[in-house]
C-alpha cells in the first residue's frame, strides 16, 4: 500500500512539474506570437502609408512640371 501511494505521489509531483514547464512555454509562445503579429501589422501599415505619401509626392511633382512648362 505504501509503495503504491508513494509511487502515485511521485508521479503526481513529476506531472505537476512538467505541466508547469509546459504552461510556461505555452505562455511564452503566445506572447511572442502576439508580438510578431503586432510587428507585422505595424510594419504593413507603415509601408502602406509610405507608399501613399510617395504616390502623392509624385503626383504633385508631375503637376508642378506641367505648370512650369
Protein backbone atom coordinates (compact mmCIF):
# COMPACT_ATOMS: atom_id res chain seq x y z
CA UNK A 1 0.00 0.00 0.00
CA UNK A 2 2.79 2.40 0.90
CA UNK A 3 4.68 1.78 -2.31
CA UNK A 4 1.56 2.36 -4.41
CA UNK A 5 0.79 5.62 -2.65
CA UNK A 6 4.42 6.70 -2.72
CA UNK A 7 4.73 5.96 -6.45
CA UNK A 8 1.46 7.78 -7.15
CA UNK A 9 2.66 10.84 -5.21
CA UNK A 10 5.98 10.86 -7.07
CA UNK A 11 4.24 10.64 -10.41
CA UNK A 12 1.82 13.41 -9.46
CA UNK A 13 4.69 15.69 -8.43
CA UNK A 14 6.52 14.94 -11.66
CA UNK A 15 3.35 15.65 -13.63
CA UNK A 16 2.89 18.99 -11.84
CA UNK A 17 6.47 20.00 -12.67
CA UNK A 18 6.09 19.04 -16.32
CA UNK A 19 2.76 20.85 -16.59
CA UNK A 20 4.32 23.93 -15.04
CA UNK A 21 7.14 23.92 -17.60
CA UNK A 22 4.68 23.26 -20.41
CA UNK A 23 2.43 26.13 -19.32
CA UNK A 24 5.41 28.49 -19.13
CA UNK A 25 6.43 27.51 -22.67
CA UNK A 26 2.88 27.95 -23.97
CA UNK A 27 2.65 31.36 -22.34
CA UNK A 28 5.98 32.46 -23.80
CA UNK A 29 4.94 31.16 -27.23
CA UNK A 30 1.63 33.02 -27.10
CA UNK A 31 3.38 36.24 -26.07
CA UNK A 32 5.94 36.01 -28.87
CA UNK A 33 3.15 35.20 -31.34
CA UNK A 34 1.26 38.35 -30.28
CA UNK A 35 4.43 40.41 -30.62
CA UNK A 36 5.12 39.05 -34.11
CA UNK A 37 1.54 39.77 -35.22
CA UNK A 38 1.72 43.31 -33.85
CA UNK A 39 5.00 43.98 -35.62
CA UNK A 40 3.65 42.62 -38.92
CA UNK A 41 0.54 44.78 -38.56
CA UNK A 42 2.56 47.90 -37.71
CA UNK A 43 5.07 47.34 -40.50
CA UNK A 44 2.34 46.69 -43.06
CA UNK A 45 0.50 49.89 -42.18
CA UNK A 46 3.71 51.92 -42.18
CA UNK A 47 4.71 50.62 -45.63
CA UNK A 48 1.24 51.38 -46.98
CA UNK A 49 1.33 54.93 -45.62
CA UNK A 50 4.83 55.49 -47.03
CA UNK A 51 3.71 54.23 -50.46
CA UNK A 52 0.70 56.56 -50.43
CA UNK A 53 2.89 59.51 -49.46
CA UNK A 54 5.32 58.66 -52.29
CA UNK A 55 2.48 58.49 -54.83
CA UNK A 56 1.14 61.84 -53.60
CA UNK A 57 4.60 63.40 -53.94
CA UNK A 58 4.95 62.01 -57.47
CA UNK A 59 1.56 63.44 -58.48
CA UNK A 60 2.49 66.82 -57.05
CA UNK A 61 5.83 66.76 -58.89
CA UNK A 62 4.11 65.97 -62.19
CA UNK A 63 1.64 68.81 -61.70
CA UNK A 64 4.48 71.22 -60.92
CA UNK A 65 6.31 70.19 -64.07
CA UNK A 66 3.16 70.68 -66.18
CA UNK A 67 2.59 74.12 -64.69
CA UNK A 68 6.21 75.15 -65.26
CA UNK A 69 6.03 74.23 -68.94
